[in-house]
Amino acid sequence: MEIIIRDLHIRNKKNNMRIGRKKVYKSEQVRGYEQDLHDEIMSQYRGPVLEGPVSVLLEITQPDKRRRDAHNAVDCILDVMQDLLIKDDSQVHDLHVKKIFGKKWCLKIVIEKMTPAESSLFGCG
């Protein structure tokens, strides 16, 4: 399955969290971004939530060469994917992230279900 989301500024949660009374809150920017991302995914995918091990490729195209940590953006994207595309982000057995410099923001999500044989290839044993 492939989903392409254009012109949506990719945000990360790490620098946009607020601390309140014994609780950490998402900023308005992060909540808005997550809702926009949720809506875009829902408009392109109407299938069932995948269960079992999956392989995920995220291609993040950004319009400038400012330094951004890819792993912070990945956390936010995987959180939004839960219950829409995959049941839980712990299902991701193979994760590839590409950061590309282009003219506009773009996010490409490619998810493939893995066979038990493919998922057992990963590990130190």
PDB file of N, CA and C in Angstrom:
ATOM      1  N   MET A   1       0.848  -1.158   0.000  1.00  0.00           N
ATOM      2  CA  MET A   1       0.000   0.000   0.000  1.00  0.00           C
ATOM      3  C   MET A   1       0.906   1.237   0.000  1.00  0.00           C
ATOM      4  N   GLU A   2       0.504   2.227  -0.744  1.00  0.00           N
ATOM      5  CA  GLU A   2       1.289   3.455  -0.864  1.00  0.00           C
ATOM      6  C   GLU A   2       0.376   4.666  -0.663  1.00  0.00           C
ATOM      7  N   ILE A   3       0.836   5.587   0.177  1.00  0.00           N
ATOM      8  CA  ILE A   3       0.103   6.821   0.447  1.00  0.00           C
ATOM      9  C   ILE A   3       1.058   7.984   0.227  1.00  0.00           C
ATOM     10  N   ILE A   4       0.619   8.988  -0.517  1.00  0.00           N
ATOM     11  CA  ILE A   4       1.444  10.173  -0.767  1.00  0.00           C
ATOM     12  C   ILE A   4       0.692  11.396  -0.275  1.00  0.00           C
ATOM     13  N   ILE A   5       1.346  12.150   0.588  1.00  0.00           N
ATOM     14  CA  ILE A   5       0.748  13.351   1.163  1.00  0.00           C
ATOM     15  C   ILE A   5       1.624  14.544   0.779  1.00  0.00           C
ATOM     16  N   ARG A   6       1.037  15.480   0.066  1.00  0.00           N
ATOM     17  CA  ARG A   6       1.786  16.632  -0.432  1.00  0.00           C
ATOM     18  C   ARG A   6       1.442  17.897   0.352  1.00  0.00           C
ATOM     19  N   ASP A   7       2.397  18.802   0.402  1.00  0.00           N
ATOM     20  CA  ASP A   7       2.217  20.146   0.981  1.00  0.00           C
ATOM     21  C   ASP A   7       1.768  20.126   2.444  1.00  0.00           C
ATOM     22  N   LEU A   8       2.214  19.158   3.205  1.00  0.00           N
ATOM     23  CA  LEU A   8       1.925  19.117   4.639  1.00  0.00           C
ATOM     24  C   LEU A   8       3.254  19.188   5.368  1.00  0.00           C
ATOM     25  N   HIS A   9       3.506  20.303   6.041  1.00  0.00           N
ATOM     26  CA  HIS A   9       4.753  20.529   6.754  1.00  0.00           C
ATOM     27  C   HIS A   9       4.928  19.447   7.818  1.00  0.00           C
ATOM     28  N   ILE A  10       5.985  18.657   7.696  1.00  0.00           N
ATOM     29  CA  ILE A  10       6.236  17.559   8.624  1.00  0.00           C
ATOM     30  C   ILE A  10       6.717  18.144   9.956  1.00  0.00           C
ATOM     31  N   ARG A  11       6.076  17.762  11.028  1.00  0.00           N
ATOM     32  CA  ARG A  11       6.425  18.271  12.363  1.00  0.00           C
ATOM     33  C   ARG A  11       6.918  17.119  13.229  1.00  0.00           C
ATOM     34  N   ASN A  12       7.633  17.495  14.278  1.00  0.00           N
ATOM     35  CA  ASN A  12       8.026  16.482  15.251  1.00  0.00           C
ATOM     36  C   ASN A  12       7.476  16.865  16.614  1.00  0.00           C
ATOM     37  N   LYS A  13       7.281  15.850  17.446  1.00  0.00           N
ATOM     38  CA  LYS A  13       6.703  16.093  18.761  1.00  0.00           C
ATOM     39  C   LYS A  13       7.739  16.577  19.764  1.00  0.00           C
ATOM     40  N   LYS A  14       8.963  16.181  19.584  1.00  0.00           N
ATOM     41  CA  LYS A  14       9.979  16.411  20.609  1.00  0.00           C
ATOM     42  C   LYS A  14      10.088  17.880  21.000  1.00  0.00           C
ATOM     43  N   ASN A  15      10.129  18.762  20.045  1.00  0.00           N
ATOM     44  CA  ASN A  15      10.303  20.184  20.342  1.00  0.00           C
ATOM     45  C   ASN A  15       8.981  20.925  20.512  1.00  0.00           C
ATOM     46  N   ASN A  16       7.879  20.213  20.457  1.00  0.00           N
ATOM     47  CA  ASN A  16       6.572  20.854  20.527  1.00  0.00           C
ATOM     48  C   ASN A  16       5.689  20.286  21.616  1.00  0.00           C
ATOM     49  N   MET A  17       6.279  19.827  22.699  1.00  0.00           N
ATOM     50  CA  MET A  17       5.522  19.328  23.834  1.00  0.00           C
ATOM     51  C   MET A  17       5.583  20.367  24.952  1.00  0.00           C
ATOM     52  N   ARG A  18       4.518  20.459  25.715  1.00  0.00           N
ATOM     53  CA  ARG A  18       4.434  21.405  26.824  1.00  0.00           C
ATOM     54  C   ARG A  18       4.217  20.637  28.121  1.00  0.00           C
ATOM     55  N   ILE A  19       4.846  21.101  29.182  1.00  0.00           N
ATOM     56  CA  ILE A  19       4.717  20.445  30.476  1.00  0.00           C
ATOM     57  C   ILE A  19       3.751  21.245  31.332  1.00  0.00           C
ATOM     58  N   GLY A  20       2.748  20.552  31.860  1.00  0.00           N
ATOM     59  CA  GLY A  20       1.765  21.171  32.745  1.00  0.00           C
ATOM     60  C   GLY A  20       1.841  20.516  34.110  1.00  0.00           C
ATOM     61  N   ARG A  21       0.762  20.533  34.805  1.00  0.00           N
ATOM     62  CA  ARG A  21       0.711  19.919  36.135  1.00  0.00           C
ATOM     63  C   ARG A  21       0.837  18.406  36.036  1.00  0.00           C
ATOM     64  N   LYS A  22       2.010  17.923  36.272  1.00  0.00           N
ATOM     65  CA  LYS A  22       2.315  16.489  36.276  1.00  0.00           C
ATOM     66  C   LYS A  22       1.926  15.787  34.978  1.00  0.00           C
ATOM     67  N   LYS A  23       1.851  16.504  33.895  1.00  0.00           N
ATOM     68  CA  LYS A  23       1.459  15.920  32.623  1.00  0.00           C
ATOM     69  C   LYS A  23       2.166  16.641  31.482  1.00  0.00           C
ATOM     70  N   VAL A  24       2.406  15.913  30.391  1.00  0.00           N
ATOM     71  CA  VAL A  24       3.012  16.507  29.206  1.00  0.00           C
ATOM     72  C   VAL A  24       1.919  16.625  28.142  1.00  0.00           C
ATOM     73  N   TYR A  25       1.817  17.796  27.532  1.00  0.00           N
ATOM     74  CA  TYR A  25       0.779  18.077  26.549  1.00  0.00           C
ATOM     75  C   TYR A  25       1.390  18.325  25.184  1.00  0.00           C
ATOM     76  N   LYS A  26       0.649  17.941  24.142  1.00  0.00           N
ATOM     77  CA  LYS A  26       1.059  18.274  22.777  1.00  0.00           C
ATOM     78  C   LYS A  26       0.663  19.715  22.508  1.00  0.00           C
ATOM     79  N   SER A  27       1.501  20.429  21.764  1.00  0.00           N
ATOM     80  CA  SER A  27       1.170  21.803  21.401  1.00  0.00           C
ATOM     81  C   SER A  27       0.047  21.804  20.360  1.00  0.00           C
ATOM     82  N   GLU A  28      -0.543  22.961  20.155  1.00  0.00           N
ATOM     83  CA  GLU A  28      -1.591  23.104  19.136  1.00  0.00           C
ATOM     84  C   GLU A  28      -1.055  22.737  17.758  1.00  0.00           C
ATOM     85  N   GLN A  29       0.211  23.103  17.492  1.00  0.00           N
ATOM     86  CA  GLN A  29       0.813  22.790  16.186  1.00  0.00           C
ATOM     87  C   GLN A  29       0.854  21.282  15.953  1.00  0.00           C
ATOM     88  N   VAL A  30       1.284  20.535  16.962  1.00  0.00           N
ATOM     89  CA  VAL A  30       1.390  19.085  16.816  1.00  0.00           C
ATOM     90  C   VAL A  30       0.007  18.455  16.688  1.00  0.00           C
ATOM     91  N   ARG A  31      -0.933  18.881  17.498  1.00  0.00           N
ATOM     92  CA  ARG A  31      -2.296  18.333  17.407  1.00  0.00           C
ATOM     93  C   ARG A  31      -2.915  18.626  16.037  1.00  0.00           C
ATOM     94  N   GLY A  32      -2.708  19.837  15.540  1.00  0.00           N
ATOM     95  CA  GLY A  32      -3.220  20.186  14.211  1.00  0.00           C
ATOM     96  C   GLY A  32      -2.568  19.367  13.113  1.00  0.00           C
ATOM     97  N   TYR A  33      -1.243  19.192  13.207  1.00  0.00           N
ATOM     98  CA  TYR A  33      -0.514  18.387  12.224  1.00  0.00           C
ATOM     99  C   TYR A  33      -0.994  16.949  12.243  1.00  0.00           C
ATOM    100  N   GLU A  34      -1.138  16.376  13.440  1.00  0.00           N
ATOM    101  CA  GLU A  34      -1.589  14.996  13.538  1.00  0.00           C
ATOM    102  C   GLU A  34      -2.996  14.831  12.962  1.00  0.00           C
ATOM    103  N   GLN A  35      -3.856  15.802  13.194  1.00  0.00           N
ATOM    104  CA  GLN A  35      -5.216  15.730  12.652  1.00  0.00           C
ATOM    105  C   GLN A  35      -5.197  15.830  11.128  1.00  0.00           C
ATOM    106  N   ASP A  36      -4.383  16.749  10.588  1.00  0.00           N
ATOM    107  CA  ASP A  36      -4.264  16.886   9.129  1.00  0.00           C
ATOM    108  C   ASP A  36      -3.723  15.610   8.499  1.00  0.00           C
ATOM    109  N   LEU A  37      -2.702  15.033   9.133  1.00  0.00           N
ATOM    110  CA  LEU A  37      -2.114  13.787   8.631  1.00  0.00           C
ATOM    111  C   LEU A  37      -3.146  12.655   8.705  1.00  0.00           C
ATOM    112  N   HIS A  38      -3.863  12.572   9.787  1.00  0.00           N
ATOM    113  CA  HIS A  38      -4.926  11.582   9.957  1.00  0.00           C
ATOM    114  C   HIS A  38      -5.965  11.708   8.833  1.00  0.00           C
ATOM    115  N   ASP A  39      -6.414  12.930   8.571  1.00  0.00           N
ATOM    116  CA  ASP A  39      -7.422  13.166   7.536  1.00  0.00           C
ATOM    117  C   ASP A  39      -6.922  12.776   6.152  1.00  0.00           C
ATOM    118  N   GLU A  40      -5.659  13.099   5.851  1.00  0.00           N
ATOM    119  CA  GLU A  40      -5.083  12.749   4.546  1.00  0.00           C
ATOM    120  C   GLU A  40      -4.983  11.237   4.374  1.00  0.00           C
ATOM    121  N   ILE A  41      -4.553  10.543   5.427  1.00  0.00           N
ATOM    122  CA  ILE A  41      -4.454   9.086   5.345  1.00  0.00           C
ATOM    123  C   ILE A  41      -5.839   8.483   5.146  1.00  0.00           C
ATOM    124  N   MET A  42      -6.831   8.983   5.883  1.00  0.00           N
ATOM    125  CA  MET A  42      -8.201   8.471   5.766  1.00  0.00           C
ATOM    126  C   MET A  42      -8.783   8.709   4.374  1.00  0.00           C
ATOM    127  N   SER A  43      -8.391   9.817   3.740  1.00  0.00           N
ATOM    128  CA  SER A  43      -8.914  10.105   2.405  1.00  0.00           C
ATOM    129  C   SER A  43      -8.317   9.180   1.343  1.00  0.00           C
ATOM    130  N   GLN A  44      -7.147   8.594   1.627  1.00  0.00           N
ATOM    131  CA  GLN A  44      -6.487   7.748   0.632  1.00  0.00           C
ATOM    132  C   GLN A  44      -6.597   6.253   0.919  1.00  0.00           C
ATOM    133  N   TYR A  45      -6.893   5.884   2.155  1.00  0.00           N
ATOM    134  CA  TYR A  45      -6.912   4.463   2.514  1.00  0.00           C
ATOM    135  C   TYR A  45      -8.195   4.123   3.254  1.00  0.00           C
ATOM    136  N   ARG A  46      -8.930   3.186   2.731  1.00  0.00           N
ATOM    137  CA  ARG A  46     -10.181   2.747   3.357  1.00  0.00           C
ATOM    138  C   ARG A  46     -10.142   1.260   3.711  1.00  0.00           C
ATOM    139  N   GLY A  47      -8.994   0.654   3.610  1.00  0.00           N
ATOM    140  CA  GLY A  47      -8.874  -0.784   3.837  1.00  0.00           C
ATOM    141  C   GLY A  47      -8.806  -1.142   5.312  1.00  0.00           C
ATOM    142  N   PRO A  48      -8.603  -2.411   5.585  1.00  0.00           N
ATOM    143  CA  PRO A  48      -8.522  -2.869   6.975  1.00  0.00           C
ATOM    144  C   PRO A  48      -7.196  -2.475   7.621  1.00  0.00           C
ATOM    145  N   VAL A  49      -7.206  -2.459   8.938  1.00  0.00           N
ATOM    146  CA  VAL A  49      -5.986  -2.209   9.700  1.00  0.00           C
ATOM    147  C   VAL A  49      -5.132  -3.470   9.603  1.00  0.00           C
ATOM    148  N   LEU A  50      -3.863  -3.308   9.236  1.00  0.00           N
ATOM    149  CA  LEU A  50      -2.976  -4.459   9.080  1.00  0.00           C
ATOM    150  C   LEU A  50      -2.552  -4.996  10.434  1.00  0.00           C
ATOM    151  N   GLU A  51      -2.512  -6.313  10.522  1.00  0.00           N
ATOM    152  CA  GLU A  51      -2.029  -6.969  11.731  1.00  0.00           C
ATOM    153  C   GLU A  51      -0.821  -7.810  11.364  1.00  0.00           C
ATOM    154  N   GLY A  52       0.014  -8.108  12.338  1.00  0.00           N
ATOM    155  CA  GLY A  52       1.219  -8.887  12.104  1.00  0.00           C
ATOM    156  C   GLY A  52       2.368  -7.992  11.679  1.00  0.00           C
ATOM    157  N   PRO A  53       3.532  -8.583  11.451  1.00  0.00           N
ATOM    158  CA  PRO A  53       4.720  -7.800  11.112  1.00  0.00           C
ATOM    159  C   PRO A  53       4.583  -7.086   9.771  1.00  0.00           C
ATOM    160  N   VAL A  54       5.063  -5.836   9.734  1.00  0.00           N
ATOM    161  CA  VAL A  54       5.018  -5.045   8.513  1.00  0.00           C
ATOM    162  C   VAL A  54       6.369  -4.384   8.262  1.00  0.00           C
ATOM    163  N   SER A  55       6.572  -4.028   7.014  1.00  0.00           N
ATOM    164  CA  SER A  55       7.737  -3.260   6.581  1.00  0.00           C
ATOM    165  C   SER A  55       7.233  -1.877   6.188  1.00  0.00           C
ATOM    166  N   VAL A  56       7.910  -0.827   6.672  1.00  0.00           N
ATOM    167  CA  VAL A  56       7.474   0.547   6.410  1.00  0.00           C
ATOM    168  C   VAL A  56       8.624   1.339   5.795  1.00  0.00           C
ATOM    169  N   LEU A  57       8.305   2.035   4.710  1.00  0.00           N
ATOM    170  CA  LEU A  57       9.240   2.974   4.091  1.00  0.00           C
ATOM    171  C   LEU A  57       8.615   4.358   4.195  1.00  0.00           C
ATOM    172  N   LEU A  58       9.344   5.305   4.759  1.00  0.00           N
ATOM    173  CA  LEU A  58       8.901   6.694   4.840  1.00  0.00           C
ATOM    174  C   LEU A  58       9.885   7.541   4.053  1.00  0.00           C
ATOM    175  N   GLU A  59       9.394   8.237   3.037  1.00  0.00           N
ATOM    176  CA  GLU A  59      10.206   9.186   2.282  1.00  0.00           C
ATOM    177  C   GLU A  59       9.711  10.578   2.647  1.00  0.00           C
ATOM    178  N   ILE A  60      10.563  11.334   3.300  1.00  0.00           N
ATOM    179  CA  ILE A  60      10.211  12.680   3.735  1.00  0.00           C
ATOM    180  C   ILE A  60      10.955  13.673   2.860  1.00  0.00           C
ATOM    181  N   THR A  61      10.217  14.416   2.056  1.00  0.00           N
ATOM    182  CA  THR A  61      10.817  15.443   1.200  1.00  0.00           C
ATOM    183  C   THR A  61      10.612  16.785   1.873  1.00  0.00           C
ATOM    184  N   GLN A  62      11.697  17.522   2.049  1.00  0.00           N
ATOM    185  CA  GLN A  62      11.609  18.848   2.665  1.00  0.00           C
ATOM    186  C   GLN A  62      12.136  19.898   1.694  1.00  0.00           C
ATOM    187  N   PRO A  63      11.578  21.120   1.760  1.00  0.00           N
ATOM    188  CA  PRO A  63      11.898  22.138   0.759  1.00  0.00           C
ATOM    189  C   PRO A  63      13.202  22.895   1.005  1.00  0.00           C
ATOM    190  N   ASP A  64      13.857  22.652   2.113  1.00  0.00           N
ATOM    191  CA  ASP A  64      15.105  23.367   2.393  1.00  0.00           C
ATOM    192  C   ASP A  64      16.098  22.404   3.031  1.00  0.00           C
ATOM    193  N   LYS A  65      17.301  22.875   3.259  1.00  0.00           N
ATOM    194  CA  LYS A  65      18.341  22.003   3.796  1.00  0.00           C
ATOM    195  C   LYS A  65      18.607  22.260   5.278  1.00  0.00           C
ATOM    196  N   ARG A  66      17.592  22.774   5.980  1.00  0.00           N
ATOM    197  CA  ARG A  66      17.758  22.948   7.423  1.00  0.00           C
ATOM    198  C   ARG A  66      17.914  21.589   8.086  1.00  0.00           C
ATOM    199  N   ARG A  67      18.635  21.593   9.195  1.00  0.00           N
ATOM    200  CA  ARG A  67      18.856  20.347   9.910  1.00  0.00           C
ATOM    201  C   ARG A  67      17.593  19.956  10.675  1.00  0.00           C
ATOM    202  N   ARG A  68      17.108  18.772  10.403  1.00  0.00           N
ATOM    203  CA  ARG A  68      15.962  18.217  11.112  1.00  0.00           C
ATOM    204  C   ARG A  68      16.261  16.755  11.405  1.00  0.00           C
ATOM    205  N   ASP A  69      15.909  16.322  12.598  1.00  0.00           N
ATOM    206  CA  ASP A  69      16.116  14.927  12.967  1.00  0.00           C
ATOM    207  C   ASP A  69      14.998  14.076  12.384  1.00  0.00           C
ATOM    208  N   ALA A  70      15.355  13.126  11.556  1.00  0.00           N
ATOM    209  CA  ALA A  70      14.354  12.275  10.913  1.00  0.00           C
ATOM    210  C   ALA A  70      13.609  11.426  11.935  1.00  0.00           C
ATOM    211  N   HIS A  71      14.309  10.957  12.975  1.00  0.00           N
ATOM    212  CA  HIS A  71      13.649  10.057  13.926  1.00  0.00           C
ATOM    213  C   HIS A  71      12.550  10.760  14.721  1.00  0.00           C
ATOM    214  N   ASN A  72      12.669  12.067  14.942  1.00  0.00           N
ATOM    215  CA  ASN A  72      11.609  12.786  15.643  1.00  0.00           C
ATOM    216  C   ASN A  72      10.348  12.862  14.790  1.00  0.00           C
ATOM    217  N   ALA A  73      10.491  13.054  13.495  1.00  0.00           N
ATOM    218  CA  ALA A  73       9.339  13.082  12.590  1.00  0.00           C
ATOM    219  C   ALA A  73       8.711  11.695  12.486  1.00  0.00           C
ATOM    220  N   VAL A  74       9.541  10.662  12.503  1.00  0.00           N
ATOM    221  CA  VAL A  74       9.057   9.294  12.380  1.00  0.00           C
ATOM    222  C   VAL A  74       8.145   8.938  13.555  1.00  0.00           C
ATOM    223  N   ASP A  75       8.502   9.343  14.765  1.00  0.00           N
ATOM    224  CA  ASP A  75       7.677   9.054  15.940  1.00  0.00           C
ATOM    225  C   ASP A  75       6.254   9.574  15.748  1.00  0.00           C
ATOM    226  N   CYS A  76       6.139  10.779  15.292  1.00  0.00           N
ATOM    227  CA  CYS A  76       4.835  11.402  15.104  1.00  0.00           C
ATOM    228  C   CYS A  76       4.046  10.687  14.003  1.00  0.00           C
ATOM    229  N   ILE A  77       4.696  10.365  12.912  1.00  0.00           N
ATOM    230  CA  ILE A  77       4.032   9.688  11.792  1.00  0.00           C
ATOM    231  C   ILE A  77       3.544   8.302  12.203  1.00  0.00           C
ATOM    232  N   LEU A  78       4.387   7.534  12.908  1.00  0.00           N
ATOM    233  CA  LEU A  78       3.981   6.200  13.351  1.00  0.00           C
ATOM    234  C   LEU A  78       2.825   6.265  14.344  1.00  0.00           C
ATOM    235  N   ASP A  79       2.819   7.275  15.208  1.00  0.00           N
ATOM    236  CA  ASP A  79       1.703   7.433  16.150  1.00  0.00           C
ATOM    237  C   ASP A  79       0.385   7.640  15.410  1.00  0.00           C
ATOM    238  N   VAL A  80       0.403   8.446  14.357  1.00  0.00           N
ATOM    239  CA  VAL A  80      -0.817   8.714  13.596  1.00  0.00           C
ATOM    240  C   VAL A  80      -1.247   7.469  12.820  1.00  0.00           C
ATOM    241  N   MET A  81      -0.289   6.675  12.361  1.00  0.00           N
ATOM    242  CA  MET A  81      -0.611   5.473  11.582  1.00  0.00           C
ATOM    243  C   MET A  81      -1.322   4.408  12.419  1.00  0.00           C
ATOM    244  N   GLN A  82      -1.118   4.439  13.747  1.00  0.00           N
ATOM    245  CA  GLN A  82      -1.749   3.443  14.613  1.00  0.00           C
ATOM    246  C   GLN A  82      -3.265   3.529  14.514  1.00  0.00           C
ATOM    247  N   ASP A  83      -3.890   2.386  14.424  1.00  0.00           N
ATOM    248  CA  ASP A  83      -5.345   2.232  14.321  1.00  0.00           C
ATOM    249  C   ASP A  83      -5.921   2.728  12.994  1.00  0.00           C
ATOM    250  N   LEU A  84      -5.094   3.284  12.114  1.00  0.00           N
ATOM    251  CA  LEU A  84      -5.546   3.643  10.767  1.00  0.00           C
ATOM    252  C   LEU A  84      -5.003   2.653   9.747  1.00  0.00           C
ATOM    253  N   LEU A  85      -3.686   2.459   9.789  1.00  0.00           N
ATOM    254  CA  LEU A  85      -3.021   1.572   8.839  1.00  0.00           C
ATOM    255  C   LEU A  85      -2.535   0.296   9.512  1.00  0.00           C
ATOM    256  N   ILE A  86      -1.988   0.454  10.710  1.00  0.00           N
ATOM    257  CA  ILE A  86      -1.472  -0.687  11.470  1.00  0.00           C
ATOM    258  C   ILE A  86      -2.098  -0.664  12.858  1.00  0.00           C
ATOM    259  N   LYS A  87      -2.144  -1.819  13.478  1.00  0.00           N
ATOM    260  CA  LYS A  87      -2.760  -1.902  14.800  1.00  0.00           C
ATOM    261  C   LYS A  87      -1.897  -1.213  15.853  1.00  0.00           C
ATOM    262  N   ASP A  88      -0.588  -1.420  15.773  1.00  0.00           N
ATOM    263  CA  ASP A  88       0.338  -0.850  16.752  1.00  0.00           C
ATOM    264  C   ASP A  88       1.700  -0.665  16.102  1.00  0.00           C
ATOM    265  N   ASP A  89       2.444   0.353  16.525  1.00  0.00           N
ATOM    266  CA  ASP A  89       3.744   0.576  15.883  1.00  0.00           C
ATOM    267  C   ASP A  89       4.787  -0.475  16.265  1.00  0.00           C
ATOM    268  N   SER A  90       4.475  -1.334  17.227  1.00  0.00           N
ATOM    269  CA  SER A  90       5.393  -2.431  17.547  1.00  0.00           C
ATOM    270  C   SER A  90       5.393  -3.500  16.448  1.00  0.00           C
ATOM    271  N   GLN A  91       4.439  -3.439  15.529  1.00  0.00           N
ATOM    272  CA  GLN A  91       4.387  -4.358  14.390  1.00  0.00           C
ATOM    273  C   GLN A  91       5.465  -4.062  13.356  1.00  0.00           C
ATOM    274  N   VAL A  92       6.035  -2.885  13.399  1.00  0.00           N
ATOM    275  CA  VAL A  92       7.012  -2.482  12.388  1.00  0.00           C
ATOM    276  C   VAL A  92       8.318  -3.218  12.658  1.00  0.00           C
ATOM    277  N   HIS A  93       8.591  -4.225  11.825  1.00  0.00           N
ATOM    278  CA  HIS A  93       9.809  -5.023  11.967  1.00  0.00           C
ATOM    279  C   HIS A  93      10.921  -4.507  11.069  1.00  0.00           C
ATOM    280  N   ASP A  94      10.560  -3.762  10.055  1.00  0.00           N
ATOM    281  CA  ASP A  94      11.539  -3.240   9.102  1.00  0.00           C
ATOM    282  C   ASP A  94      11.129  -1.799   8.782  1.00  0.00           C
ATOM    283  N   LEU A  95      11.981  -0.843   9.159  1.00  0.00           N
ATOM    284  CA  LEU A  95      11.671   0.576   8.970  1.00  0.00           C
ATOM    285  C   LEU A  95      12.798   1.248   8.209  1.00  0.00           C
ATOM    286  N   HIS A  96      12.447   1.889   7.100  1.00  0.00           N
ATOM    287  CA  HIS A  96      13.413   2.642   6.304  1.00  0.00           C
ATOM    288  C   HIS A  96      12.919   4.073   6.199  1.00  0.00           C
ATOM    289  N   VAL A  97      13.829   5.013   6.420  1.00  0.00           N
ATOM    290  CA  VAL A  97      13.482   6.429   6.337  1.00  0.00           C
ATOM    291  C   VAL A  97      14.446   7.092   5.363  1.00  0.00           C
ATOM    292  N   LYS A  98      13.883   7.819   4.399  1.00  0.00           N
ATOM    293  CA  LYS A  98      14.685   8.585   3.444  1.00  0.00           C
ATOM    294  C   LYS A  98      14.338  10.052   3.614  1.00  0.00           C
ATOM    295  N   LYS A  99      15.349  10.875   3.746  1.00  0.00           N
ATOM    296  CA  LYS A  99      15.144  12.319   3.788  1.00  0.00           C
ATOM    297  C   LYS A  99      15.645  12.872   2.466  1.00  0.00           C
ATOM    298  N   ILE A 100      14.755  13.560   1.756  1.00  0.00           N
ATOM    299  CA  ILE A 100      15.049  14.053   0.412  1.00  0.00           C
ATOM    300  C   ILE A 100      14.873  15.564   0.409  1.00  0.00           C
ATOM    301  N   PHE A 101      15.736  16.251  -0.305  1.00  0.00           N
ATOM    302  CA  PHE A 101      15.598  17.698  -0.452  1.00  0.00           C
ATOM    303  C   PHE A 101      14.937  17.976  -1.794  1.00  0.00           C
ATOM    304  N   GLY A 102      13.779  18.644  -1.758  1.00  0.00           N
ATOM    305  CA  GLY A 102      13.026  18.930  -2.970  1.00  0.00           C
ATOM    306  C   GLY A 102      12.479  20.342  -2.948  1.00  0.00           C
ATOM    307  N   LYS A 103      11.423  20.577  -3.698  1.00  0.00           N
ATOM    308  CA  LYS A 103      10.843  21.916  -3.788  1.00  0.00           C
ATOM    309  C   LYS A 103       9.726  22.140  -2.777  1.00  0.00           C
ATOM    310  N   LYS A 104       8.997  21.072  -2.418  1.00  0.00           N
ATOM    311  CA  LYS A 104       7.869  21.198  -1.498  1.00  0.00           C
ATOM    312  C   LYS A 104       7.875  20.035  -0.518  1.00  0.00           C
ATOM    313  N   TRP A 105       7.154  20.226   0.581  1.00  0.00           N
ATOM    314  CA  TRP A 105       6.984  19.146   1.542  1.00  0.00           C
ATOM    315  C   TRP A 105       6.203  18.009   0.900  1.00  0.00           C
ATOM    316  N   CYS A 106       6.638  16.791   1.171  1.00  0.00           N
ATOM    317  CA  CYS A 106       5.924  15.619   0.685  1.00  0.00           C
ATOM    318  C   CYS A 106       6.275  14.438   1.595  1.00  0.00           C
ATOM    319  N   LEU A 107       5.280  13.621   1.874  1.00  0.00           N
ATOM    320  CA  LEU A 107       5.489  12.419   2.674  1.00  0.00           C
ATOM    321  C   LEU A 107       4.936  11.241   1.891  1.00  0.00           C
ATOM    322  N   LYS A 108       5.782  10.248   1.682  1.00  0.00           N
ATOM    323  CA  LYS A 108       5.359   9.026   1.007  1.00  0.00           C
ATOM    324  C   LYS A 108       5.472   7.888   2.020  1.00  0.00           C
ATOM    325  N   ILE A 109       4.369   7.176   2.211  1.00  0.00           N
ATOM    326  CA  ILE A 109       4.328   6.048   3.137  1.00  0.00           C
ATOM    327  C   ILE A 109       4.069   4.787   2.326  1.00  0.00           C
ATOM    328  N   VAL A 110       4.957   3.826   2.452  1.00  0.00           N
ATOM    329  CA  VAL A 110       4.779   2.537   1.787  1.00  0.00           C
ATOM    330  C   VAL A 110       4.810   1.462   2.870  1.00  0.00           C
ATOM    331  N   ILE A 111       3.716   0.695   2.963  1.00  0.00           N
ATOM    332  CA  ILE A 111       3.621  -0.362   3.972  1.00  0.00           C
ATOM    333  C   ILE A 111       3.368  -1.686   3.266  1.00  0.00           C
ATOM    334  N   GLU A 112       4.125  -2.691   3.671  1.00  0.00           N
ATOM    335  CA  GLU A 112       3.939  -4.032   3.123  1.00  0.00           C
ATOM    336  C   GLU A 112       3.875  -5.027   4.265  1.00  0.00           C
ATOM    337  N   LYS A 113       2.944  -5.928   4.180  1.00  0.00           N
ATOM    338  CA  LYS A 113       2.837  -6.988   5.165  1.00  0.00           C
ATOM    339  C   LYS A 113       3.991  -7.969   4.945  1.00  0.00           C
ATOM    340  N   MET A 114       4.599  -8.423   6.025  1.00  0.00           N
ATOM    341  CA  MET A 114       5.729  -9.345   5.933  1.00  0.00           C
ATOM    342  C   MET A 114       5.264 -10.769   6.233  1.00  0.00           C
ATOM    343  N   THR A 115       5.896 -11.716   5.574  1.00  0.00           N
ATOM    344  CA  THR A 115       5.623 -13.121   5.874  1.00  0.00           C
ATOM    345  C   THR A 115       6.396 -13.486   7.144  1.00  0.00           C
ATOM    346  N   PRO A 116       6.009 -14.544   7.827  1.00  0.00           N
ATOM    347  CA  PRO A 116       6.765 -14.967   9.015  1.00  0.00           C
ATOM    348  C   PRO A 116       8.233 -15.238   8.704  1.00  0.00           C
ATOM    349  N   ALA A 117       8.513 -15.767   7.511  1.00  0.00           N
ATOM    350  CA  ALA A 117       9.903 -16.044   7.134  1.00  0.00           C
ATOM    351  C   ALA A 117      10.700 -14.747   6.996  1.00  0.00           C
ATOM    352  N   GLU A 118      10.075 -13.717   6.404  1.00  0.00           N
ATOM    353  CA  GLU A 118      10.764 -12.428   6.254  1.00  0.00           C
ATOM    354  C   GLU A 118      11.015 -11.773   7.605  1.00  0.00           C
ATOM    355  N   SER A 119      10.035 -11.812   8.487  1.00  0.00           N
ATOM    356  CA  SER A 119      10.190 -11.168   9.782  1.00  0.00           C
ATOM    357  C   SER A 119      11.193 -11.871  10.671  1.00  0.00           C
ATOM    358  N   SER A 120      11.407 -13.183  10.448  1.00  0.00           N
ATOM    359  CA  SER A 120      12.374 -13.917  11.266  1.00  0.00           C
ATOM    360  C   SER A 120      13.807 -13.668  10.804  1.00  0.00           C
ATOM    361  N   LEU A 121      13.994 -13.016   9.663  1.00  0.00           N
ATOM    362  CA  LEU A 121      15.346 -12.721   9.178  1.00  0.00           C
ATOM    363  C   LEU A 121      16.046 -11.671  10.028  1.00  0.00           C
ATOM    364  N   PHE A 122      15.260 -10.880  10.775  1.00  0.00           N
ATOM    365  CA  PHE A 122      15.825  -9.801  11.558  1.00  0.00           C
ATOM    366  C   PHE A 122      16.178 -10.304  12.943  1.00  0.00           C
ATOM    367  N   GLY A 123      17.305  -9.864  13.435  1.00  0.00           N
ATOM    368  CA  GLY A 123      17.713 -10.260  14.782  1.00  0.00           C
ATOM    369  C   GLY A 123      19.188 -10.554  14.820  1.00  0.00           C
ATOM    370  N   CYS A 124      19.679 -10.722  16.014  1.00  0.00           N
ATOM    371  CA  CYS A 124      21.107 -10.964  16.224  1.00  0.00           C
ATOM    372  C   CYS A 124      21.436 -12.450  16.345  1.00  0.00           C
ATOM    373  N   GLY A 125      20.427 -13.279  16.422  1.00  0.00           N
ATOM    374  CA  GLY A 125      20.652 -14.713  16.660  1.00  0.00           C
ATOM    375  C   GLY A 125      20.762 -15.429  15.416  1.00  0.00           C
TER     376      GLY A 125
END
